[in-house]
Amino acid sequence: MKTRYILSMGELKRKDNSIAFKNEKGWNYIPIEGVREIYFFNEVSLNSKFLDFLARAGVVAHFFNYYGQYSGTFYPKDYLISGDLTVKQSLAFVEKRLMIAKSIVYAIAKNLYEVLYHYYRHGNKELKPFLDWLRTDIDKLLEKELHIRQILFIEGQIWSRFYDSFKYFLPKDFLMYKRVKRPPNNPMNALVSFGNTLLYTKTITAIYHTHLNQSISYLHEPREARFSLSLDLSEAFKPIIVFKTIFELVNRRKLQVSKHFEKKLNYALLNDDGKKIFLEAFENRINEKFKHTTLKRLVSYNRAIKLDGYKLIKFLIEGKEFVPFLLKDKK
C-alpha cells in the first residue's frame, strides 16, 4: 500500500475505480487499489462523492495549509471496532496510565541514545555526558514512583537536552536554540515541526487499521488532540525516522538554508523544492526494512508503528509488558 503526495494545485474527482487529478499539466489517473493514504500540500477542489470514494476504499487523507502546517485528517468510518477493547483502553488509562507513559519515555531515551551514539563514535566526544545521562539516569528516574506531570517533565528534559546537543554535530545554520512550534522561527524548528507532523499522521493511518481507539492516550492527555494515541505511539519513532532524516539531509547538504527555505518568511518554512527533498527522504526512511527480532522477517519502520499498536493491544488484553519499538532490538 502506497502513500500519495499532492504538491500542486488542482482538482480531484473519481473516475471509475481511479483517483483523477488535474493540474496545469493535465489529468493523472491513480488506481485507488493500493493507495493507503493521501497527503494534500496545496489547494485542491474535491466533492463529497470523492470523499465517499476514499471512505469506501479505507483511504485516509491528510490536509496541510500553505505553510506546511497540519490542517486535519479525513478519517474514514472505522471498520475495525471493538467495544471490549475500548473499555480495556479506558480502564488502563485509570489504572495503568503511568506504566504505559513510562514505557514510552523510556523508549524515547533509548532510541535517542542509539541515534546520538553514531555521532559520538565518529568523534563528537562532547556528547558523552548526555549519552551517559540517557543510558543510566533515565532508567533510575523512571523507576521511582511518579505522577504524570513528573513523567512529562522528564520527557521534556530529554528533548530539551537533545536539542541542545545539536551544536556538537550540525552546522550553525541548523542549530535550534529553543523549540518553537506555532509557527516555527528558524530552519531547524521548521524541519522538526514538518517531520513530527508527517510521523504523527503516518501513525494515525497505522492505528486506523487496528481496533485501537485513537482518542484514548496515556502519555499525552486524551483531550490534547483528537488522535492523541497517535501522539503517544509516534514518540518512540521520532529519533529514528524524523531526526535521522533531518541529520542526514543537513549534514550531507541536501538541504541548504539559502536554497530550500523561504527567504520572505525568515527561512522558517521549506520551499517547494525543499519539501520534495524532505518528503522523498522521509519516505525512504520510513519504508526502510530491517530484520525484526521477534517476527524473524523483514519489516519496515512504517509496519513497526502498526506493530506497536498490536503490542499495546496485547498489553491491554493479555497483560503482556508493553515496550515500544527500540532501535537496538533490530540489530
Foldseek 3Di string as FASTA:
>chain_A
DDEEEAAAEFEWDDDPQWIWTQDPVGIDTHGLPPYLEYEYQAHYHYDPNRLVSCLVSQYKYWYAYPQLHTDDISGHDQPQADPVLAVLLVVCQVPPLLQLLLLLLLLLLQQLLVLCVVVCVVPLVVCVVVSVCSVPVSVVLSVDDDDLVSSVVSSVVNVVVSLVCCVSQFDPQQRQNDQDVVPRQHQNNLLLNNLLVVQLVLLVSLCSPDNDQQQRDRNDDSVPDNRVNSVRLSSSCCSQQRVVLVSVCRVVVVDDQVPFADVVRVSRGGDSVNVVSSVVSSVCRQQDWFQQQVVRHIGGNSVLSSVLVVLVSCCSPVVPRRRRDHPVRRD
